[in-house]
Amino acid sequence: MNIKNTEIHHSLPEVYGSVKVPKTGSFGKKLWVFTGPGLMVAVGYMDPGNWATDISGGAKFGYTLISVILISNLFAMLLQHLALKLGIATGRDLAQACRHAYSKPVSIALWVLCEIAIAACDLAEVIGSAIAINLLFGLPLSVGVVITVLDVLVLLYFQGKGFRALECIVGGLIFMIFCCFAYEIAVSQPSITQIFGNILPKPEIVTNPEMLYVAIGILGATVMPHNLYLHSSIVQTRNFDKTNEGRRSAIFFATIDSNLSLSLAFFINAAILIISAATFHHTGNQNVADINDAYHLLDPVLGVKLAGLFFAVALLASGQNSTLTGTLAGQIVMEGFLNLTLKPWLRRLITRLIAVIPALIVTILYGEKGTGDLLILSQVILSLQLSFAVVPLIIFTNDKKEMGEFANSPLIKITSWIVAIIIIALNGYLLWDTIF
């Protein structure tokens, strides 16, 4: 296996090395330059596909599953660190590394699996955005699905303004989501004692089969496979020194950016569960497991206006953010695995249509119930693909011949394989239980 002995074609060539990194300057100035890719990756950890499991977990079991969200986030921090390290140390994203390390049939198979996962993820974002548009403006779900196609045009317009502009849009939407949930937490008045009392996992998470199933759903749907491809590419938009010292510094600052951004994602995911626990679990509405139900119950249960409105605004911002990063990941994967460059508007249009067409058919034929089932199916498909991204990533970053001094330490090697085995086993269990 060798991922270096061929000419490197830069990932996302139109924005590669487009953000200048100062050779001198304060810690804060350098960190600011590297801030951005982590935010774009964190979007995948707060997408509409996660909302249903967080709402269900909070409504049924109160604050108990906060520990599962925290553990999921710690797993994500480790895997995203490996992804950014691969991109910075080798100059290749994960898709390119796979293409150069494996035979053509294996690479094609990995590409097909990844495209299916991206389409499934995009499907969840399209449905989430359509539900938010329906809740906010009363438009039919089918109309909301069609409106989401416009995301492609928005992405192209802002990427033409530079990659930093795109990062600012994503950061702005995350800030909007954060503000919405800060308001929701303030008005729902959760129990601070119970929140901190459930930071560490409780034995009943394993002993209660129903709780275990929801916990696996939260953990299994947290690490999005396309995020690993995405992160290994977009860290290369920074024009750092291509020396070992320059790479070491880039990995250091990019890891801080990633961990801070994923901490923000933890707050938002935990906030959804906390609000659901405070609002529904302790008022007898323990069967709320649906985004629509949560929206319609927030105002009357809390006794305040705007709670449902802010919830829907956050959902729309979450869906829009995730579709922007998902279509970008689609471009990275196609270019990396196939060494094929399409015009960005065409690549994104293909990705979006693959998601929009089934969503449109289901919303027209089956309505709200059908979109809920489709959302669950999309998460199962993502679970299937995850191991095919995580395992190569760990193999590549463990290889000292390819990574040089940036290869994983023995502790990181052991920890990353333990995390991979846990994620794969839990996703396998969830998949088996869902199908059979």
Protein backbone atom coordinates (compact mmCIF):
# COMPACT_ATOMS: atom_id res chain seq x y z
CA MET A 1 0.00 0.00 0.00
CA ASN A 2 1.41 3.37 -0.98
CA ILE A 3 -0.34 6.71 -1.12
CA LYS A 4 2.65 8.89 -1.94
CA ASN A 5 4.41 7.56 -5.02
CA THR A 6 2.17 9.33 -7.51
CA GLU A 7 1.63 12.92 -8.48
CA ILE A 8 -0.70 14.74 -6.12
CA HIS A 9 -3.68 16.55 -7.62
CA HIS A 10 -4.83 19.06 -5.06
CA SER A 11 -8.19 18.57 -3.41
CA LEU A 12 -10.75 21.29 -4.31
CA PRO A 13 -8.22 22.93 -6.66
CA GLU A 14 -10.29 26.12 -7.03
CA VAL A 15 -9.79 26.98 -3.33
CA TYR A 16 -6.62 24.99 -2.48
CA GLY A 17 -4.18 27.11 -0.41
CA SER A 18 -6.40 30.18 -0.89
CA VAL A 19 -6.31 31.30 2.78
CA LYS A 20 -2.93 32.77 3.64
CA VAL A 21 -1.34 31.71 6.95
CA PRO A 22 0.95 34.35 8.52
CA LYS A 23 4.48 33.18 9.31
CA THR A 24 4.56 35.42 12.38
CA GLY A 25 1.89 36.76 14.68
CA SER A 26 0.11 36.03 17.93
CA PHE A 27 -1.50 32.73 18.92
CA GLY A 28 -4.95 34.30 18.50
CA LYS A 29 -4.17 35.62 15.01
CA LYS A 30 -2.98 32.20 13.81
CA LEU A 31 -5.94 30.42 15.38
CA TRP A 32 -8.32 32.84 13.66
CA VAL A 33 -6.80 31.98 10.27
CA PHE A 34 -7.37 28.26 10.91
CA THR A 35 -10.90 28.79 12.26
CA GLY A 36 -13.55 27.71 9.75
CA PRO A 37 -13.07 24.12 8.55
CA GLY A 38 -14.03 22.84 12.02
CA LEU A 39 -17.30 24.79 11.88
CA MET A 40 -18.13 23.31 8.48
CA VAL A 41 -17.47 19.80 9.80
CA ALA A 42 -19.42 20.41 13.04
CA VAL A 43 -22.51 21.09 10.93
CA GLY A 44 -22.78 17.35 10.23
CA TYR A 45 -23.09 16.68 13.97
CA MET A 46 -26.12 18.94 14.42
CA ASP A 47 -28.02 18.13 11.23
CA PRO A 48 -31.77 17.30 11.09
CA GLY A 49 -30.96 13.58 11.03
CA ASN A 50 -29.87 13.84 14.69
CA TRP A 51 -32.87 15.81 15.90
CA ALA A 52 -35.37 12.94 16.06
CA THR A 53 -33.12 10.74 18.25
CA ASP A 54 -32.32 13.65 20.59
CA ILE A 55 -36.01 14.62 20.89
CA SER A 56 -37.05 11.00 21.49
CA GLY A 57 -34.27 10.39 24.02
CA GLY A 58 -35.16 13.50 26.04
CA ALA A 59 -38.93 12.91 25.97
CA LYS A 60 -38.70 9.24 26.99
CA PHE A 61 -35.79 9.18 29.40
CA GLY A 62 -35.26 12.74 30.60
CA TYR A 63 -31.63 13.82 30.97
CA THR A 64 -30.18 10.29 31.21
CA LEU A 65 -28.74 10.13 27.68
CA ILE A 66 -26.71 13.37 27.87
CA SER A 67 -23.71 11.13 28.63
CA VAL A 68 -24.22 9.32 25.29
CA ILE A 69 -24.14 12.63 23.40
CA LEU A 70 -20.90 13.54 25.21
CA ILE A 71 -19.26 10.17 24.42
CA SER A 72 -20.33 10.46 20.77
CA ASN A 73 -18.75 13.90 20.60
CA LEU A 74 -15.46 12.66 22.08
CA PHE A 75 -15.37 9.90 19.44
CA ALA A 76 -16.01 12.51 16.76
CA MET A 77 -13.17 14.73 18.03
CA LEU A 78 -10.69 11.86 17.71
CA LEU A 79 -11.77 10.80 14.20
CA GLN A 80 -11.87 14.38 12.88
CA HIS A 81 -8.37 14.94 14.27
CA LEU A 82 -7.17 11.92 12.26
CA ALA A 83 -8.91 13.25 9.13
CA LEU A 84 -7.36 16.71 9.31
CA LYS A 85 -3.96 15.20 10.12
CA LEU A 86 -4.13 13.00 7.01
CA GLY A 87 -4.90 15.99 4.78
CA ILE A 88 -2.18 18.22 6.24
CA ALA A 89 0.57 15.56 6.53
CA THR A 90 0.15 13.87 3.13
CA GLY A 91 -1.43 16.62 1.00
CA ARG A 92 -4.23 14.21 0.08
CA ASP A 93 -7.80 13.95 1.24
CA LEU A 94 -9.21 10.58 2.36
CA ALA A 95 -10.77 9.84 -1.04
CA GLN A 96 -7.48 10.48 -2.87
CA ALA A 97 -5.60 8.35 -0.34
CA CYS A 98 -8.01 5.46 -0.95
CA ARG A 99 -7.68 5.76 -4.73
CA HIS A 100 -3.86 5.62 -4.57
CA ALA A 101 -3.68 2.88 -1.94
CA TYR A 102 -6.24 0.39 -3.28
CA SER A 103 -6.97 -1.34 -6.56
CA LYS A 104 -9.41 0.23 -9.00
CA PRO A 105 -12.32 -2.16 -8.20
CA VAL A 106 -11.93 -1.49 -4.46
CA SER A 107 -11.73 2.28 -5.04
CA ILE A 108 -14.84 2.21 -7.24
CA ALA A 109 -16.73 0.19 -4.60
CA LEU A 110 -15.70 2.64 -1.86
CA TRP A 111 -16.74 5.57 -4.09
CA VAL A 112 -20.18 4.06 -4.78
CA LEU A 113 -20.75 3.43 -1.05
CA CYS A 114 -19.69 6.97 -0.22
CA GLU A 115 -21.95 8.49 -2.90
CA ILE A 116 -24.89 6.52 -1.46
CA ALA A 117 -24.05 7.81 2.03
CA ILE A 118 -23.82 11.42 0.80
CA ALA A 119 -27.15 11.07 -1.01
CA ALA A 120 -28.69 9.60 2.17
CA CYS A 121 -27.29 12.43 4.27
CA ASP A 122 -28.48 15.02 1.74
CA LEU A 123 -31.88 13.35 1.85
CA ALA A 124 -32.09 14.00 5.62
CA GLU A 125 -31.11 17.65 5.14
CA VAL A 126 -33.63 18.14 2.32
CA ILE A 127 -36.42 16.62 4.43
CA GLY A 128 -35.39 18.65 7.50
CA SER A 129 -35.38 21.90 5.51
CA ALA A 130 -38.73 21.04 3.89
CA ILE A 131 -40.29 20.35 7.32
CA ALA A 132 -38.92 23.67 8.63
CA ILE A 133 -40.31 25.56 5.61
CA ASN A 134 -43.66 23.84 6.17
CA LEU A 135 -43.71 24.79 9.87
CA LEU A 136 -42.65 28.40 9.28
CA PHE A 137 -44.59 29.31 6.14
CA GLY A 138 -47.25 26.61 5.83
CA LEU A 139 -45.99 25.55 2.41
CA PRO A 140 -46.57 21.89 1.42
CA LEU A 141 -43.63 19.54 2.03
CA SER A 142 -43.29 18.91 -1.72
CA VAL A 143 -42.85 22.66 -2.36
CA GLY A 144 -40.29 22.85 0.45
CA VAL A 145 -38.31 20.01 -1.14
CA VAL A 146 -38.19 21.86 -4.49
CA ILE A 147 -37.09 25.11 -2.79
CA THR A 148 -34.04 23.32 -1.31
CA VAL A 149 -32.61 22.93 -4.85
CA LEU A 150 -31.80 26.65 -4.65
CA ASP A 151 -29.10 25.81 -2.07
CA VAL A 152 -26.85 24.85 -4.97
CA LEU A 153 -27.01 28.36 -6.43
CA VAL A 154 -26.33 29.93 -3.02
CA LEU A 155 -23.28 27.70 -2.50
CA LEU A 156 -21.85 28.51 -5.93
CA TYR A 157 -22.37 32.24 -5.45
CA PHE A 158 -20.58 32.40 -2.11
CA GLN A 159 -17.76 30.02 -3.06
CA GLY A 160 -17.08 32.42 -5.94
CA LYS A 161 -16.44 35.05 -3.26
CA GLY A 162 -13.73 32.86 -1.67
CA PHE A 163 -13.75 29.94 0.74
CA ARG A 164 -13.67 32.26 3.75
CA ALA A 165 -17.02 33.73 2.64
CA LEU A 166 -18.54 30.23 2.65
CA GLU A 167 -17.14 29.57 6.13
CA CYS A 168 -18.64 32.84 7.36
CA ILE A 169 -22.09 31.86 6.05
CA VAL A 170 -21.86 28.50 7.82
CA GLY A 171 -20.58 30.15 11.01
CA GLY A 172 -23.42 32.68 10.89
CA LEU A 173 -26.04 29.94 10.58
CA ILE A 174 -24.46 28.00 13.48
CA PHE A 175 -24.60 31.18 15.58
CA MET A 176 -28.30 31.51 14.70
CA ILE A 177 -28.94 27.90 15.80
CA PHE A 178 -26.99 28.54 19.02
CA CYS A 179 -29.05 31.66 19.84
CA CYS A 180 -32.33 29.84 19.16
CA PHE A 181 -31.46 27.01 21.53
CA ALA A 182 -30.05 29.37 24.18
CA TYR A 183 -33.52 30.98 24.21
CA GLU A 184 -35.25 27.59 24.29
CA ILE A 185 -33.16 26.45 27.27
CA ALA A 186 -33.82 29.72 29.13
CA VAL A 187 -37.62 29.42 28.79
CA SER A 188 -37.76 25.63 29.43
CA GLN A 189 -35.89 26.05 32.77
CA PRO A 190 -34.17 22.65 32.90
CA SER A 191 -32.77 21.10 36.08
CA ILE A 192 -29.08 22.04 36.20
CA THR A 193 -28.51 19.42 38.92
CA GLN A 194 -29.94 16.63 36.75
CA ILE A 195 -28.00 17.79 33.68
CA PHE A 196 -24.63 17.56 35.46
CA GLY A 197 -25.77 14.43 37.30
CA ASN A 198 -26.08 12.62 33.96
CA ILE A 199 -22.76 13.65 32.40
CA LEU A 200 -21.36 10.24 33.38
CA PRO A 201 -23.14 7.17 31.92
CA LYS A 202 -25.71 5.36 34.09
CA PRO A 203 -25.97 1.51 34.21
CA GLU A 204 -29.63 1.60 33.07
CA ILE A 205 -28.52 2.83 29.64
CA VAL A 206 -27.25 -0.73 29.03
CA THR A 207 -29.76 -2.67 31.14
CA ASN A 208 -32.89 -0.98 29.72
CA PRO A 209 -33.35 -2.35 26.13
CA GLU A 210 -35.48 0.59 24.97
CA MET A 211 -33.00 3.12 26.35
CA LEU A 212 -30.09 1.21 24.81
CA TYR A 213 -31.77 1.33 21.39
CA VAL A 214 -32.18 5.13 21.53
CA ALA A 215 -28.61 5.48 22.87
CA ILE A 216 -27.25 3.46 19.96
CA GLY A 217 -29.30 5.63 17.59
CA ILE A 218 -27.68 8.77 19.03
CA LEU A 219 -24.16 7.29 18.93
CA GLY A 220 -24.58 5.57 15.57
CA ALA A 221 -25.89 8.62 13.75
CA THR A 222 -23.37 11.07 15.21
CA VAL A 223 -20.20 10.39 13.18
CA MET A 224 -21.08 11.17 9.55
CA PRO A 225 -18.79 9.36 7.08
CA HIS A 226 -18.74 12.24 4.58
CA ASN A 227 -17.38 14.55 7.30
CA LEU A 228 -14.11 12.59 7.35
CA TYR A 229 -13.65 13.11 3.60
CA LEU A 230 -14.70 16.75 3.92
CA HIS A 231 -12.32 17.63 6.75
CA SER A 232 -9.29 15.97 5.16
CA SER A 233 -9.84 18.22 2.14
CA ILE A 234 -10.88 21.63 3.44
CA VAL A 235 -7.96 21.92 5.89
CA GLN A 236 -5.86 22.22 2.72
CA THR A 237 -7.48 25.57 1.91
CA ARG A 238 -4.92 27.01 4.36
CA ASN A 239 -1.64 28.00 2.72
CA PHE A 240 0.71 26.81 5.48
CA ASP A 241 4.44 26.07 5.05
CA LYS A 242 4.91 22.62 3.51
CA THR A 243 7.67 21.77 5.97
CA ASN A 244 7.40 19.45 8.97
CA GLU A 245 7.35 22.46 11.27
CA GLY A 246 4.65 24.15 9.17
CA ARG A 247 2.55 20.98 9.08
CA ARG A 248 2.96 20.46 12.83
CA SER A 249 1.71 23.99 13.48
CA ALA A 250 -1.19 23.53 11.02
CA ILE A 251 -2.26 20.26 12.71
CA PHE A 252 -2.11 21.96 16.13
CA PHE A 253 -4.30 24.93 15.18
CA ALA A 254 -6.66 22.88 13.00
CA THR A 255 -7.23 20.47 15.90
CA ILE A 256 -8.12 23.36 18.23
CA ASP A 257 -10.56 24.67 15.59
CA SER A 258 -12.08 21.20 15.20
CA ASN A 259 -12.45 20.54 18.94
CA LEU A 260 -13.94 23.97 19.71
CA SER A 261 -16.42 23.59 16.84
CA LEU A 262 -17.43 20.09 17.91
CA SER A 263 -17.90 21.39 21.47
CA LEU A 264 -20.42 23.83 20.00
CA ALA A 265 -22.11 20.91 18.22
CA PHE A 266 -22.23 19.09 21.57
CA PHE A 267 -24.01 22.06 23.16
CA ILE A 268 -26.62 22.15 20.37
CA ASN A 269 -27.24 18.37 20.40
CA ALA A 270 -27.40 18.34 24.18
CA ALA A 271 -29.71 21.38 24.10
CA ILE A 272 -32.23 19.52 21.91
CA LEU A 273 -32.28 16.61 24.39
CA ILE A 274 -32.37 18.93 27.43
CA ILE A 275 -35.27 20.98 26.05
CA SER A 276 -37.15 17.78 25.19
CA ALA A 277 -36.53 16.41 28.70
CA ALA A 278 -37.53 19.62 30.49
CA THR A 279 -40.54 20.30 28.26
CA PHE A 280 -41.99 16.87 27.51
CA HIS A 281 -40.59 14.20 29.89
CA HIS A 282 -41.58 16.03 33.06
CA THR A 283 -45.03 17.11 31.78
CA GLY A 284 -46.29 13.66 30.79
CA ASN A 285 -45.63 14.05 27.04
CA GLN A 286 -43.15 11.17 26.91
CA ASN A 287 -44.20 9.80 23.51
CA VAL A 288 -42.95 12.81 21.55
CA ALA A 289 -40.51 11.41 18.99
CA ASP A 290 -41.28 13.56 15.98
CA ILE A 291 -40.01 16.98 14.90
CA ASN A 292 -43.55 18.13 14.04
CA ASP A 293 -44.95 17.05 17.42
CA ALA A 294 -42.15 18.85 19.24
CA TYR A 295 -42.79 22.06 17.30
CA HIS A 296 -46.54 22.05 17.95
CA LEU A 297 -46.20 21.21 21.66
CA LEU A 298 -43.43 23.66 22.63
CA ASP A 299 -45.59 26.80 22.84
CA PRO A 300 -48.57 25.35 24.76
CA VAL A 301 -46.48 23.26 27.17
CA LEU A 302 -44.01 26.05 27.97
CA GLY A 303 -46.73 28.71 27.96
CA VAL A 304 -44.63 31.15 25.93
CA LYS A 305 -44.85 32.29 22.34
CA LEU A 306 -41.87 32.12 19.97
CA ALA A 307 -40.54 28.80 21.41
CA GLY A 308 -41.91 26.83 18.44
CA LEU A 309 -40.88 29.59 16.02
CA PHE A 310 -37.25 29.58 17.17
CA PHE A 311 -37.25 25.78 17.07
CA ALA A 312 -38.33 25.84 13.39
CA VAL A 313 -35.83 28.61 12.53
CA ALA A 314 -33.02 26.52 14.07
CA LEU A 315 -34.18 23.48 12.08
CA LEU A 316 -34.14 25.47 8.82
CA ALA A 317 -30.65 26.86 9.57
CA SER A 318 -29.46 23.34 10.44
CA GLY A 319 -30.83 21.92 7.19
CA GLN A 320 -29.34 24.70 5.05
CA ASN A 321 -25.95 24.40 6.71
CA SER A 322 -25.83 20.63 6.26
CA THR A 323 -26.80 20.78 2.60
CA LEU A 324 -24.00 23.28 1.88
CA THR A 325 -21.33 21.05 3.42
CA GLY A 326 -22.88 17.83 2.04
CA THR A 327 -22.73 19.01 -1.57
CA LEU A 328 -19.14 20.17 -1.03
CA ALA A 329 -18.28 16.69 0.28
CA GLY A 330 -19.84 15.23 -2.87
CA GLN A 331 -17.42 17.20 -5.03
CA ILE A 332 -14.44 16.10 -2.90
CA VAL A 333 -15.41 12.42 -3.07
CA MET A 334 -15.98 12.35 -6.85
CA GLU A 335 -12.76 14.20 -7.62
CA GLY A 336 -10.77 12.15 -5.10
CA PHE A 337 -11.93 8.63 -5.98
CA LEU A 338 -12.30 9.05 -9.74
CA ASN A 339 -9.75 11.79 -10.42
CA LEU A 340 -12.65 13.28 -12.35
CA THR A 341 -13.37 16.99 -12.24
CA LEU A 342 -16.85 18.20 -13.12
CA LYS A 343 -17.95 21.80 -13.16
CA PRO A 344 -18.92 22.60 -9.54
CA TRP A 345 -22.50 23.60 -10.45
CA LEU A 346 -23.03 20.28 -12.30
CA ARG A 347 -21.56 18.15 -9.48
CA ARG A 348 -23.74 19.86 -6.89
CA LEU A 349 -26.82 19.69 -9.04
CA ILE A 350 -26.34 15.92 -9.48
CA THR A 351 -25.89 15.43 -5.71
CA ARG A 352 -28.96 17.49 -4.91
CA LEU A 353 -31.20 15.83 -7.52
CA ILE A 354 -30.27 12.36 -6.20
CA ALA A 355 -31.66 13.46 -2.83
CA VAL A 356 -34.54 15.64 -4.04
CA ILE A 357 -36.18 13.14 -6.40
CA PRO A 358 -36.93 10.39 -3.80
CA ALA A 359 -37.87 13.04 -1.20
CA LEU A 360 -40.28 14.66 -3.66
CA ILE A 361 -41.88 11.34 -4.62
CA VAL A 362 -42.36 10.31 -0.96
CA THR A 363 -43.77 13.70 0.14
CA ILE A 364 -46.28 13.70 -2.73
CA LEU A 365 -47.39 10.07 -2.22
CA TYR A 366 -47.15 9.63 1.57
CA GLY A 367 -46.86 13.10 3.10
CA GLU A 368 -45.55 13.72 6.62
CA LYS A 369 -45.49 10.04 7.71
CA GLY A 370 -43.49 9.05 4.64
CA THR A 371 -40.83 11.71 5.22
CA GLY A 372 -40.41 10.51 8.81
CA ASP A 373 -39.77 6.95 7.62
CA LEU A 374 -37.42 8.24 4.92
CA LEU A 375 -35.46 10.16 7.56
CA ILE A 376 -34.94 6.94 9.54
CA LEU A 377 -33.91 5.05 6.37
CA SER A 378 -31.31 7.70 5.56
CA GLN A 379 -29.68 7.19 8.99
CA VAL A 380 -29.57 3.41 8.49
CA ILE A 381 -27.81 3.89 5.13
CA LEU A 382 -25.28 6.18 6.80
CA SER A 383 -24.63 3.53 9.44
CA LEU A 384 -23.85 1.02 6.69
CA GLN A 385 -21.19 3.20 5.10
CA LEU A 386 -19.40 4.49 8.19
CA SER A 387 -16.96 1.62 8.67
CA PHE A 388 -15.78 1.98 5.04
CA ALA A 389 -14.56 5.50 5.87
CA VAL A 390 -13.31 5.01 9.43
CA VAL A 391 -11.18 1.90 8.86
CA PRO A 392 -9.12 3.25 5.91
CA LEU A 393 -8.64 6.53 7.80
CA ILE A 394 -7.16 4.74 10.81
CA ILE A 395 -4.98 2.49 8.61
CA PHE A 396 -3.55 5.47 6.69
CA THR A 397 -2.83 7.60 9.78
CA ASN A 398 -1.22 4.64 11.58
CA ASP A 399 1.24 4.08 8.69
CA LYS A 400 4.60 5.68 9.60
CA LYS A 401 5.94 5.19 6.06
CA GLU A 402 3.23 7.45 4.67
CA MET A 403 2.68 9.87 7.56
CA GLY A 404 6.29 10.19 8.72
CA GLU A 405 6.56 11.81 12.14
CA PHE A 406 2.82 12.56 12.04
CA ALA A 407 1.81 8.89 12.25
CA ASN A 408 -0.43 8.02 15.20
CA SER A 409 1.23 7.38 18.55
CA PRO A 410 0.68 3.93 20.14
CA LEU A 411 -1.98 5.42 22.46
CA ILE A 412 -3.88 7.03 19.53
CA LYS A 413 -3.60 3.79 17.54
CA ILE A 414 -5.18 1.71 20.30
CA THR A 415 -7.82 4.33 21.14
CA SER A 416 -8.85 4.87 17.51
CA TRP A 417 -9.30 1.12 16.90
CA ILE A 418 -11.38 0.79 20.09
CA VAL A 419 -13.57 3.72 18.95
CA ALA A 420 -13.89 2.21 15.45
CA ILE A 421 -14.88 -1.22 16.82
CA ILE A 422 -17.48 0.34 19.15
CA ILE A 423 -19.00 2.48 16.39
CA ILE A 424 -19.06 -0.40 13.87
CA ALA A 425 -20.54 -2.85 16.40
CA LEU A 426 -23.25 -0.42 17.52
CA ASN A 427 -24.10 0.58 13.96
CA GLY A 428 -24.27 -3.10 13.02
CA TYR A 429 -26.61 -3.80 15.93
CA LEU A 430 -28.81 -0.84 15.02
CA LEU A 431 -28.94 -1.93 11.39
CA TRP A 432 -29.79 -5.54 12.30
CA ASP A 433 -32.50 -4.44 14.71
CA THR A 434 -34.00 -1.99 12.21
CA ILE A 435 -34.16 -4.50 9.36
CA PHE A 436 -34.96 -7.75 11.18
